[in-house]
C-alpha atoms as a PDB file:
ATOM      1  CA  MET A   1       0.268  20.330 -82.501  1.00  0.00           C
ATOM      2  CA  HIS A   2      -2.022  18.526 -80.095  1.00  0.00           C
ATOM      3  CA  PHE A   3      -2.889  14.876 -79.573  1.00  0.00           C
ATOM      4  CA  VAL A   4      -6.261  13.130 -79.549  1.00  0.00           C
ATOM      5  CA  ASP A   5      -7.548   9.587 -79.332  1.00  0.00           C
ATOM      6  CA  ALA A   6      -9.719   9.090 -82.400  1.00  0.00           C
ATOM      7  CA  LYS A   7     -12.813   6.875 -82.302  1.00  0.00           C
ATOM      8  CA  GLY A   8     -12.086   5.535 -85.774  1.00  0.00           C
ATOM      9  CA  ILE A   9      -9.493   5.919 -88.500  1.00  0.00           C
ATOM     10  CA  LEU A  10     -10.771   4.188 -91.646  1.00  0.00           C
ATOM     11  CA  THR A  11     -13.861   5.409 -93.470  1.00  0.00           C
ATOM     12  CA  THR A  12     -15.402   2.700 -95.611  1.00  0.00           C
ATOM     13  CA  SER A  13     -18.430   3.114 -97.829  1.00  0.00           C
ATOM     14  CA  GLY A  14     -19.372   1.356-101.049  1.00  0.00           C
ATOM     15  CA  GLY A  15     -15.930  -0.160-101.495  1.00  0.00           C
ATOM     16  CA  ARG A  16     -14.157   3.114-100.774  1.00  0.00           C
ATOM     17  CA  ASN A  17     -11.560   3.181 -98.011  1.00  0.00           C
ATOM     18  CA  GLY A  18      -9.653   6.215 -96.750  1.00  0.00           C
ATOM     19  CA  MET A  19      -7.930   7.577 -93.669  1.00  0.00           C
ATOM     20  CA  ASN A  20      -6.396  10.804 -92.437  1.00  0.00           C
ATOM     21  CA  ILE A  21      -3.852  10.386 -89.649  1.00  0.00           C
ATOM     22  CA  TYR A  22      -3.546  14.116 -89.064  1.00  0.00           C
ATOM     23  CA  ARG A  23      -5.995  17.024 -89.198  1.00  0.00           C
ATOM     24  CA  GLY A  24      -4.789  20.444 -90.290  1.00  0.00           C
ATOM     25  CA  CYS A  25      -1.561  21.132 -92.144  1.00  0.00           C
ATOM     26  CA  SER A  26       1.741  22.983 -91.837  1.00  0.00           C
ATOM     27  CA  HIS A  27       2.561  23.304 -95.556  1.00  0.00           C
ATOM     28  CA  GLY A  28       0.947  26.748 -95.797  1.00  0.00           C
ATOM     29  CA  CYS A  29      -0.449  26.365 -99.344  1.00  0.00           C
ATOM     30  CA  ILE A  30      -2.321  29.570-100.082  1.00  0.00           C
ATOM     31  CA  TYR A  31      -5.212  27.812-101.856  1.00  0.00           C
ATOM     32  CA  CYS A  32      -5.884  24.929 -99.424  1.00  0.00           C
ATOM     33  CA  ASP A  33      -9.528  23.846 -99.508  1.00  0.00           C
ATOM     34  CA  SER A  34      -9.151  22.003 -96.208  1.00  0.00           C
ATOM     35  CA  ARG A  35      -9.220  25.377 -94.449  1.00  0.00           C
ATOM     36  CA  SER A  36     -12.867  25.805 -95.443  1.00  0.00           C
ATOM     37  CA  LYS A  37     -15.415  26.372 -92.687  1.00  0.00           C
ATOM     38  CA  CYS A  38     -17.452  23.378 -93.836  1.00  0.00           C
ATOM     39  CA  TYR A  39     -14.865  21.069 -92.266  1.00  0.00           C
ATOM     40  CA  ARG A  40     -15.642  22.547 -88.835  1.00  0.00           C
ATOM     41  CA  PHE A  41     -12.194  22.965 -87.377  1.00  0.00           C
ATOM     42  CA  THR A  42     -12.329  23.757 -83.672  1.00  0.00           C
ATOM     43  CA  HIS A  43      -8.623  24.577 -83.521  1.00  0.00           C
ATOM     44  CA  PRO A  44      -6.257  26.713 -85.640  1.00  0.00           C
ATOM     45  CA  PHE A  45      -5.475  24.993 -88.932  1.00  0.00           C
ATOM     46  CA  GLU A  46      -1.715  25.018 -88.278  1.00  0.00           C
ATOM     47  CA  ASP A  47      -2.217  23.464 -84.823  1.00  0.00           C
ATOM     48  CA  ILE A  48      -2.055  19.928 -86.178  1.00  0.00           C
ATOM     49  CA  GLU A  49      -4.432  17.448 -84.613  1.00  0.00           C
ATOM     50  CA  VAL A  50      -2.550  14.171 -84.238  1.00  0.00           C
ATOM     51  CA  LYS A  51      -4.619  11.002 -84.088  1.00  0.00           C
ATOM     52  CA  GLN A  52      -2.115   9.329 -81.826  1.00  0.00           C
ATOM     53  CA  ASN A  53      -3.948   5.997 -81.752  1.00  0.00           C
ATOM     54  CA  ALA A  54      -4.229   5.775 -85.559  1.00  0.00           C
ATOM     55  CA  PRO A  55      -1.933   2.722 -85.894  1.00  0.00           C
ATOM     56  CA  GLU A  56      -3.817   0.784 -83.221  1.00  0.00           C
ATOM     57  CA  LEU A  57      -7.184   1.634 -84.789  1.00  0.00           C
ATOM     58  CA  LEU A  58      -5.957   0.726 -88.251  1.00  0.00           C
ATOM     59  CA  GLU A  59      -4.568  -2.622 -87.107  1.00  0.00           C
ATOM     60  CA  LYS A  60      -7.815  -3.498 -85.352  1.00  0.00           C
ATOM     61  CA  THR A  61      -9.784  -2.630 -88.480  1.00  0.00           C
ATOM     62  CA  LEU A  62      -7.557  -4.413 -91.007  1.00  0.00           C
ATOM     63  CA  ARG A  63      -7.212  -7.500 -88.833  1.00  0.00           C
ATOM     64  CA  SER A  64     -10.964  -8.038 -89.004  1.00  0.00           C
ATOM     65  CA  LYS A  65     -11.529  -6.841 -92.582  1.00  0.00           C
ATOM     66  CA  ARG A  66     -12.451  -9.842 -94.712  1.00  0.00           C
ATOM     67  CA  LYS A  67     -11.685  -8.458 -98.169  1.00  0.00           C
ATOM     68  CA  LYS A  68      -8.360  -6.869 -99.084  1.00  0.00           C
ATOM     69  CA  CYS A  69      -8.511  -3.447-100.708  1.00  0.00           C
ATOM     70  CA  MET A  70      -6.638  -0.229-101.365  1.00  0.00           C
ATOM     71  CA  ILE A  71      -6.277   2.188 -98.456  1.00  0.00           C
ATOM     72  CA  GLY A  72      -6.174   5.834 -99.471  1.00  0.00           C
ATOM     73  CA  THR A  73      -4.556   8.579 -97.413  1.00  0.00           C
ATOM     74  CA  GLY A  74      -3.562  12.211 -97.882  1.00  0.00           C
ATOM     75  CA  SER A  75      -6.701  13.697 -99.406  1.00  0.00           C
ATOM     76  CA  MET A  76      -7.466  16.116 -96.569  1.00  0.00           C
ATOM     77  CA  SER A  77      -4.192  16.332 -94.666  1.00  0.00           C
ATOM     78  CA  ASP A  78      -0.721  15.570 -95.977  1.00  0.00           C
ATOM     79  CA  PRO A  79       0.669  12.428 -94.284  1.00  0.00           C
ATOM     80  CA  TYR A  80       4.220  13.806 -94.556  1.00  0.00           C
ATOM     81  CA  MET A  81       3.991  17.110 -92.755  1.00  0.00           C
ATOM     82  CA  HIS A  82       6.818  18.318 -90.525  1.00  0.00           C
ATOM     83  CA  CYS A  83       5.461  16.463 -87.478  1.00  0.00           C
ATOM     84  CA  GLU A  84       5.767  13.126 -89.278  1.00  0.00           C
ATOM     85  CA  GLU A  85       9.541  13.527 -89.129  1.00  0.00           C
ATOM     86  CA  LYS A  86       9.333  12.884 -85.390  1.00  0.00           C
ATOM     87  CA  LEU A  87       6.084  10.966 -84.896  1.00  0.00           C
ATOM     88  CA  ARG A  88       6.291   8.498 -87.801  1.00  0.00           C
ATOM     89  CA  LEU A  89       2.593   7.620 -87.540  1.00  0.00           C
ATOM     90  CA  THR A  90       2.337   7.340 -91.321  1.00  0.00           C
ATOM     91  CA  ARG A  91       5.196   4.849 -91.313  1.00  0.00           C
ATOM     92  CA  GLN A  92       3.538   2.805 -88.577  1.00  0.00           C
ATOM     93  CA  CYS A  93       0.314   2.697 -90.592  1.00  0.00           C
ATOM     94  CA  LEU A  94       2.212   1.620 -93.714  1.00  0.00           C
ATOM     95  CA  GLU A  95       3.792  -1.191 -91.708  1.00  0.00           C
ATOM     96  CA  ILE A  96       0.317  -2.374 -90.725  1.00  0.00           C
ATOM     97  CA  ILE A  97      -0.955  -2.151 -94.308  1.00  0.00           C
ATOM     98  CA  LEU A  98       1.996  -4.285 -95.379  1.00  0.00           C
ATOM     99  CA  LYS A  99       1.512  -6.735 -92.503  1.00  0.00           C
ATOM    100  CA  TYR A 100      -2.103  -7.479 -93.421  1.00  0.00           C
ATOM    101  CA  GLY A 101      -1.631  -7.550 -97.190  1.00  0.00           C
ATOM    102  CA  PHE A 102      -3.548  -4.447 -98.209  1.00  0.00           C
ATOM    103  CA  GLY A 103      -2.609  -1.878-100.863  1.00  0.00           C
ATOM    104  CA  VAL A 104      -2.077   1.851-100.459  1.00  0.00           C
ATOM    105  CA  ALA A 105      -2.686   4.980-102.516  1.00  0.00           C
ATOM    106  CA  ILE A 106      -0.860   7.801-100.767  1.00  0.00           C
ATOM    107  CA  GLN A 107      -0.969  11.499-101.682  1.00  0.00           C
ATOM    108  CA  THR A 108       1.609  14.123-100.697  1.00  0.00           C
ATOM    109  CA  LYS A 109       3.571  17.199-101.711  1.00  0.00           C
ATOM    110  CA  SER A 110       6.547  16.259 -99.550  1.00  0.00           C
ATOM    111  CA  ASP A 111       9.811  14.477-100.271  1.00  0.00           C
ATOM    112  CA  ARG A 112       9.577  13.009 -96.765  1.00  0.00           C
ATOM    113  CA  ILE A 113       7.765  10.162 -98.465  1.00  0.00           C
ATOM    114  CA  LEU A 114      11.209   8.916 -99.515  1.00  0.00           C
ATOM    115  CA  GLN A 115      11.966   7.996 -95.908  1.00  0.00           C
ATOM    116  CA  ASP A 116       9.349   5.248 -96.288  1.00  0.00           C
ATOM    117  CA  ILE A 117      10.278   4.097 -99.767  1.00  0.00           C
ATOM    118  CA  ASP A 118      11.368   0.726 -98.393  1.00  0.00           C
ATOM    119  CA  LEU A 119       7.830   0.052 -97.166  1.00  0.00           C
ATOM    120  CA  LEU A 120       6.192   1.462-100.290  1.00  0.00           C
ATOM    121  CA  ASP A 121       8.434  -0.744-102.417  1.00  0.00           C
ATOM    122  CA  GLU A 122       7.547  -3.852-100.420  1.00  0.00           C
ATOM    123  CA  ILE A 123       3.804  -3.098-100.475  1.00  0.00           C
ATOM    124  CA  ASN A 124       3.970  -2.623-104.233  1.00  0.00           C
ATOM    125  CA  LYS A 125       5.770  -5.939-104.681  1.00  0.00           C
ATOM    126  CA  ARG A 126       3.211  -7.809-102.597  1.00  0.00           C
ATOM    127  CA  THR A 127       0.010  -6.017-103.609  1.00  0.00           C
ATOM    128  CA  LYS A 128      -0.086  -2.462-104.987  1.00  0.00           C
ATOM    129  CA  CYS A 129       1.181   0.977-104.040  1.00  0.00           C
ATOM    130  CA  VAL A 130       0.406   4.191-105.906  1.00  0.00           C
ATOM    131  CA  VAL A 131       2.169   7.428-104.960  1.00  0.00           C
ATOM    132  CA  GLN A 132       0.326  10.641-105.806  1.00  0.00           C
ATOM    133  CA  ILE A 133       2.276  13.885-106.067  1.00  0.00           C
ATOM    134  CA  THR A 134       0.807  17.377-106.478  1.00  0.00           C
ATOM    135  CA  LEU A 135       2.462  19.634-109.071  1.00  0.00           C
ATOM    136  CA  THR A 136       0.990  23.090-109.606  1.00  0.00           C
ATOM    137  CA  THR A 137       3.800  25.176-111.044  1.00  0.00           C
ATOM    138  CA  TYR A 138       7.087  24.404-112.776  1.00  0.00           C
ATOM    139  CA  ASP A 139       8.556  27.682-111.504  1.00  0.00           C
ATOM    140  CA  ASP A 140      10.216  26.950-108.160  1.00  0.00           C
ATOM    141  CA  LYS A 141      10.165  30.618-107.156  1.00  0.00           C
ATOM    142  CA  LEU A 142       6.409  30.724-107.667  1.00  0.00           C
ATOM    143  CA  CYS A 143       6.106  27.370-105.911  1.00  0.00           C
ATOM    144  CA  GLY A 144       7.713  28.971-102.858  1.00  0.00           C
ATOM    145  CA  ILE A 145       4.909  31.537-102.800  1.00  0.00           C
ATOM    146  CA  LEU A 146       2.010  29.165-103.440  1.00  0.00           C
ATOM    147  CA  GLU A 147       3.276  26.284-101.269  1.00  0.00           C
ATOM    148  CA  PRO A 148       5.819  27.918 -98.941  1.00  0.00           C
ATOM    149  CA  ASN A 149       6.529  25.268 -96.302  1.00  0.00           C
ATOM    150  CA  VAL A 150       7.113  22.156 -98.396  1.00  0.00           C
ATOM    151  CA  CYS A 151       9.691  21.014-100.930  1.00  0.00           C
ATOM    152  CA  ASN A 152       9.702  22.639-104.363  1.00  0.00           C
ATOM    153  CA  THR A 153       8.566  21.245-107.689  1.00  0.00           C
ATOM    154  CA  LYS A 154      12.058  20.166-108.751  1.00  0.00           C
ATOM    155  CA  ARG A 155      12.349  18.005-105.655  1.00  0.00           C
ATOM    156  CA  ARG A 156       8.885  16.499-106.159  1.00  0.00           C
ATOM    157  CA  ILE A 157       9.884  15.547-109.685  1.00  0.00           C
ATOM    158  CA  GLU A 158      12.898  13.791-108.179  1.00  0.00           C
ATOM    159  CA  VAL A 159      10.438  11.842-106.017  1.00  0.00           C
ATOM    160  CA  LEU A 160       8.607  10.775-109.184  1.00  0.00           C
ATOM    161  CA  GLU A 161      11.919   9.676-110.682  1.00  0.00           C
ATOM    162  CA  GLU A 162      12.776   7.615-107.625  1.00  0.00           C
ATOM    163  CA  MET A 163       9.370   5.937-107.639  1.00  0.00           C
ATOM    164  CA  ARG A 164       9.792   5.080-111.295  1.00  0.00           C
ATOM    165  CA  SER A 165      13.193   3.524-110.609  1.00  0.00           C
ATOM    166  CA  ARG A 166      11.496   1.247-108.072  1.00  0.00           C
ATOM    167  CA  GLY A 167       8.592   0.368-110.350  1.00  0.00           C
ATOM    168  CA  ILE A 168       6.105   2.139-108.063  1.00  0.00           C
ATOM    169  CA  PRO A 169       3.297   3.701-110.147  1.00  0.00           C
ATOM    170  CA  THR A 170       2.571   7.400-109.738  1.00  0.00           C
ATOM    171  CA  VAL A 171      -0.315   9.780-110.326  1.00  0.00           C
ATOM    172  CA  VAL A 172       0.131  13.561-110.540  1.00  0.00           C
ATOM    173  CA  TRP A 173      -2.475  15.998-109.262  1.00  0.00           C
ATOM    174  CA  LEU A 174      -2.206  18.935-111.677  1.00  0.00           C
ATOM    175  CA  THR A 175      -4.401  21.083-109.514  1.00  0.00           C
ATOM    176  CA  PRO A 176      -5.280  23.714-108.536  1.00  0.00           C
ATOM    177  CA  ILE A 177      -4.483  25.895-111.512  1.00  0.00           C
ATOM    178  CA  LEU A 178      -4.881  29.447-110.258  1.00  0.00           C
ATOM    179  CA  PRO A 179      -6.410  32.004-112.637  1.00  0.00           C
ATOM    180  CA  PHE A 180      -3.948  34.708-113.708  1.00  0.00           C
ATOM    181  CA  ILE A 181      -1.097  33.042-111.781  1.00  0.00           C
ATOM    182  CA  ASN A 182      -0.055  29.595-113.005  1.00  0.00           C
ATOM    183  CA  ASP A 183      -2.650  29.071-115.751  1.00  0.00           C
ATOM    184  CA  THR A 184      -0.250  29.476-118.677  1.00  0.00           C
ATOM    185  CA  GLU A 185       0.471  27.135-121.546  1.00  0.00           C
ATOM    186  CA  GLU A 186       4.173  27.335-120.716  1.00  0.00           C
ATOM    187  CA  ASN A 187       3.591  26.132-117.163  1.00  0.00           C
ATOM    188  CA  ILE A 188       1.217  23.320-118.090  1.00  0.00           C
ATOM    189  CA  ARG A 189       3.421  22.023-120.908  1.00  0.00           C
ATOM    190  CA  ALA A 190       6.493  22.064-118.656  1.00  0.00           C
ATOM    191  CA  ILE A 191       4.721  19.981-115.990  1.00  0.00           C
ATOM    192  CA  LEU A 192       3.268  17.609-118.577  1.00  0.00           C
ATOM    193  CA  ASP A 193       6.711  17.090-120.098  1.00  0.00           C
ATOM    194  CA  GLU A 194       7.985  15.969-116.693  1.00  0.00           C
ATOM    195  CA  CYS A 195       4.981  13.694-116.235  1.00  0.00           C
ATOM    196  CA  VAL A 196       5.789  12.021-119.548  1.00  0.00           C
ATOM    197  CA  ARG A 197       9.492  11.789-118.770  1.00  0.00           C
ATOM    198  CA  THR A 198       8.930  10.220-115.356  1.00  0.00           C
ATOM    199  CA  GLY A 199       6.335   7.776-116.678  1.00  0.00           C
ATOM    200  CA  VAL A 200       3.340   8.711-114.543  1.00  0.00           C
ATOM    201  CA  LYS A 201       0.309   6.450-114.780  1.00  0.00           C
ATOM    202  CA  GLY A 202      -2.302   9.191-114.553  1.00  0.00           C
ATOM    203  CA  ILE A 203      -2.865  12.949-114.253  1.00  0.00           C
ATOM    204  CA  ILE A 204      -5.781  14.400-112.291  1.00  0.00           C
ATOM    205  CA  ASP A 205      -7.279  17.799-113.031  1.00  0.00           C
ATOM    206  CA  PHE A 206     -10.857  18.968-112.543  1.00  0.00           C
ATOM    207  CA  GLY A 207     -10.974  21.586-115.283  1.00  0.00           C
ATOM    208  CA  MET A 208      -7.969  23.918-114.859  1.00  0.00           C
ATOM    209  CA  GLY A 209      -9.170  26.213-112.141  1.00  0.00           C
ATOM    210  CA  LEU A 210      -9.634  26.764-108.440  1.00  0.00           C
ATOM    211  CA  THR A 211     -12.412  26.291-105.896  1.00  0.00           C
ATOM    212  CA  LEU A 212     -12.994  28.696-103.013  1.00  0.00           C
ATOM    213  CA  ARG A 213     -15.300  28.279-100.037  1.00  0.00           C
ATOM    214  CA  ASP A 214     -15.862  30.345 -96.911  1.00  0.00           C
ATOM    215  CA  GLY A 215     -12.715  30.255 -94.810  1.00  0.00           C
ATOM    216  CA  ASP A 216     -10.533  29.191 -97.716  1.00  0.00           C
ATOM    217  CA  ARG A 217     -11.486  32.266 -99.731  1.00  0.00           C
ATOM    218  CA  GLU A 218     -10.472  34.735 -97.034  1.00  0.00           C
ATOM    219  CA  TYR A 219      -7.090  33.078 -96.543  1.00  0.00           C
ATOM    220  CA  TYR A 220      -6.443  32.965-100.282  1.00  0.00           C
ATOM    221  CA  TYR A 221      -7.357  36.609-100.820  1.00  0.00           C
ATOM    222  CA  ALA A 222      -5.107  37.682 -97.951  1.00  0.00           C
ATOM    223  CA  ALA A 223      -2.265  35.779 -99.626  1.00  0.00           C
ATOM    224  CA  LEU A 224      -3.019  37.511-102.936  1.00  0.00           C
ATOM    225  CA  ASP A 225      -2.849  40.913-101.236  1.00  0.00           C
ATOM    226  CA  GLN A 226       0.556  40.009 -99.852  1.00  0.00           C
ATOM    227  CA  SER A 227       2.170  38.433-102.914  1.00  0.00           C
ATOM    228  CA  PHE A 228       0.120  39.633-105.897  1.00  0.00           C
ATOM    229  CA  PRO A 229      -1.086  43.183-105.149  1.00  0.00           C
ATOM    230  CA  GLY A 230      -4.204  44.140-107.101  1.00  0.00           C
ATOM    231  CA  LEU A 231      -5.104  40.578-108.110  1.00  0.00           C
ATOM    232  CA  LYS A 232      -7.801  40.183-105.447  1.00  0.00           C
ATOM    233  CA  SER A 233      -9.943  42.894-107.088  1.00  0.00           C
ATOM    234  CA  LYS A 234      -9.535  41.151-110.443  1.00  0.00           C
ATOM    235  CA  TYR A 235     -10.792  37.916-108.916  1.00  0.00           C
ATOM    236  CA  ILE A 236     -13.797  39.630-107.352  1.00  0.00           C
ATOM    237  CA  LYS A 237     -14.634  41.321-110.644  1.00  0.00           C
ATOM    238  CA  HIS A 238     -14.409  38.087-112.635  1.00  0.00           C
ATOM    239  CA  TYR A 239     -15.838  35.575-110.152  1.00  0.00           C
ATOM    240  CA  GLY A 240     -17.650  37.332-107.304  1.00  0.00           C
ATOM    241  CA  ASN A 241     -18.191  34.765-104.544  1.00  0.00           C
ATOM    242  CA  ALA A 242     -18.374  31.779-106.875  1.00  0.00           C
ATOM    243  CA  TYR A 243     -17.279  28.355-105.647  1.00  0.00           C
ATOM    244  CA  GLU A 244     -15.749  27.325-108.977  1.00  0.00           C
ATOM    245  CA  LEU A 245     -13.208  29.678-110.542  1.00  0.00           C
ATOM    246  CA  PRO A 246     -12.185  28.288-113.937  1.00  0.00           C
ATOM    247  CA  SER A 247      -9.162  29.758-115.649  1.00  0.00           C
ATOM    248  CA  PRO A 248      -9.978  31.904-118.684  1.00  0.00           C
ATOM    249  CA  ASN A 249      -7.558  29.543-120.471  1.00  0.00           C
ATOM    250  CA  ALA A 250      -9.234  26.379-119.178  1.00  0.00           C
ATOM    251  CA  LYS A 251     -10.443  25.004-122.511  1.00  0.00           C
ATOM    252  CA  GLN A 252      -7.044  25.423-124.169  1.00  0.00           C
ATOM    253  CA  LEU A 253      -5.133  23.997-121.220  1.00  0.00           C
ATOM    254  CA  MET A 254      -7.430  20.987-120.868  1.00  0.00           C
ATOM    255  CA  SER A 255      -7.004  20.273-124.558  1.00  0.00           C
ATOM    256  CA  ILE A 256      -3.216  20.338-124.185  1.00  0.00           C
ATOM    257  CA  MET A 257      -3.415  17.965-121.224  1.00  0.00           C
ATOM    258  CA  HIS A 258      -5.770  15.508-122.920  1.00  0.00           C
ATOM    259  CA  ASP A 259      -3.745  15.484-126.146  1.00  0.00           C
ATOM    260  CA  THR A 260      -0.524  14.816-124.209  1.00  0.00           C
ATOM    261  CA  CYS A 261      -2.099  12.040-122.151  1.00  0.00           C
ATOM    262  CA  LYS A 262      -3.639  10.388-125.190  1.00  0.00           C
ATOM    263  CA  LYS A 263      -0.331  10.482-127.048  1.00  0.00           C
ATOM    264  CA  HIS A 264       1.567   8.873-124.161  1.00  0.00           C
ATOM    265  CA  ASP A 265      -1.128   6.496-122.869  1.00  0.00           C
ATOM    266  CA  ILE A 266      -1.628   8.335-119.559  1.00  0.00           C
ATOM    267  CA  LEU A 267      -4.945   8.208-117.690  1.00  0.00           C
ATOM    268  CA  CYS A 268      -6.368  11.719-117.787  1.00  0.00           C
ATOM    269  CA  THR A 269      -9.910  11.847-116.410  1.00  0.00           C
ATOM    270  CA  PRO A 270     -10.695  11.835-112.687  1.00  0.00           C
ATOM    271  CA  ASP A 271     -12.928   8.767-113.051  1.00  0.00           C
ATOM    272  CA  GLU A 272     -10.184   6.807-114.823  1.00  0.00           C
ATOM    273  CA  CYS A 273      -7.585   7.790-112.244  1.00  0.00           C
ATOM    274  CA  PHE A 274      -9.796   7.117-109.220  1.00  0.00           C
ATOM    275  CA  ALA A 275     -10.807   3.732-110.598  1.00  0.00           C
ATOM    276  CA  TYR A 276      -7.136   2.848-111.012  1.00  0.00           C
ATOM    277  CA  LEU A 277      -6.305   4.097-107.516  1.00  0.00           C
ATOM    278  CA  ASN A 278      -9.064   1.977-106.018  1.00  0.00           C
ATOM    279  CA  GLU A 279      -8.387  -1.169-108.048  1.00  0.00           C
ATOM    280  CA  PHE A 280      -6.897  -3.865-105.842  1.00  0.00           C
ATOM    281  CA  PRO A 281      -5.019  -6.641-107.699  1.00  0.00           C
ATOM    282  CA  GLU A 282      -7.488  -9.298-106.513  1.00  0.00           C
ATOM    283  CA  ASP A 283     -10.595  -7.323-107.444  1.00  0.00           C
ATOM    284  CA  ASP A 284     -11.052  -9.313-110.670  1.00  0.00           C
ATOM    285  CA  GLY A 285     -11.787  -6.116-112.546  1.00  0.00           C
ATOM    286  CA  GLN A 286     -14.630  -4.952-110.310  1.00  0.00           C
ATOM    287  CA  LEU A 287     -13.787  -1.289-109.785  1.00  0.00           C
ATOM    288  CA  SER A 288     -15.398   1.340-107.606  1.00  0.00           C
ATOM    289  CA  LEU A 289     -14.779   5.063-107.322  1.00  0.00           C
ATOM    290  CA  PHE A 290     -11.850   5.903-105.056  1.00  0.00           C
ATOM    291  CA  ASP A 291     -12.792   8.061-102.092  1.00  0.00           C
ATOM    292  CA  VAL A 292     -10.706  11.224-102.504  1.00  0.00           C
ATOM    293  CA  PHE A 293     -12.363  12.973 -99.593  1.00  0.00           C
ATOM    294  CA  PRO A 294     -12.478  10.459 -96.724  1.00  0.00           C
END
């Protein structure tokens, strides 16, 4: 990793507020869109860029911000990567969010979030905290292939359970669903059952599929060659160089998800979930779309 002094930390536009404390990631997910060339990385993706002055920048911004709001983090770079264990920049930023009375919507794949559950609990009691957890496959062995350097699905479900015990609302990102890999009814139903059991507030999916851009595509195909021999050629035959790669089972799987969510009163469209994530308790019902890509 390497350290930089950022010029700013919070992006704010049209009521949308988001930050990324780190740039790059060490989780090693084979499908990660953040590897794409469009994000113009000037350093290796695994060489984490640490915005070492993030807490100072955030405090300066929130101190002068007139209207309280939700602060989103984790959309482009997981706030609980391995380096957070030592640096604790995410924790420092949560302390500042709590200090100034803002809310937080935080997204991760890591159980390291539990080290800050005291702060998340206190923020939720004072304003609002929403924890977002990504679940892609119920099979922990497969999870170890798709997301090799982060805790497995079973452990993430335990995080959901712990949040529920504290009364902290959760949203699950059921994405990406990789064609010919985890796009089975068995997998989707197993994840949905856990979402119901742990009382999640919402489930986000963009159509049961995968997106690939330049940079991301090459990394993903190399991972397929290593772990799923022959599957790369099947992808090329079915999708060419398309950006959107919907599962052949997308319609069926989306129907299963929507039926489950409707039955158990779970938010199930991106717009519904983002509106909930961005809704601050003092907004008086005036919602705006949450910025998932700050």
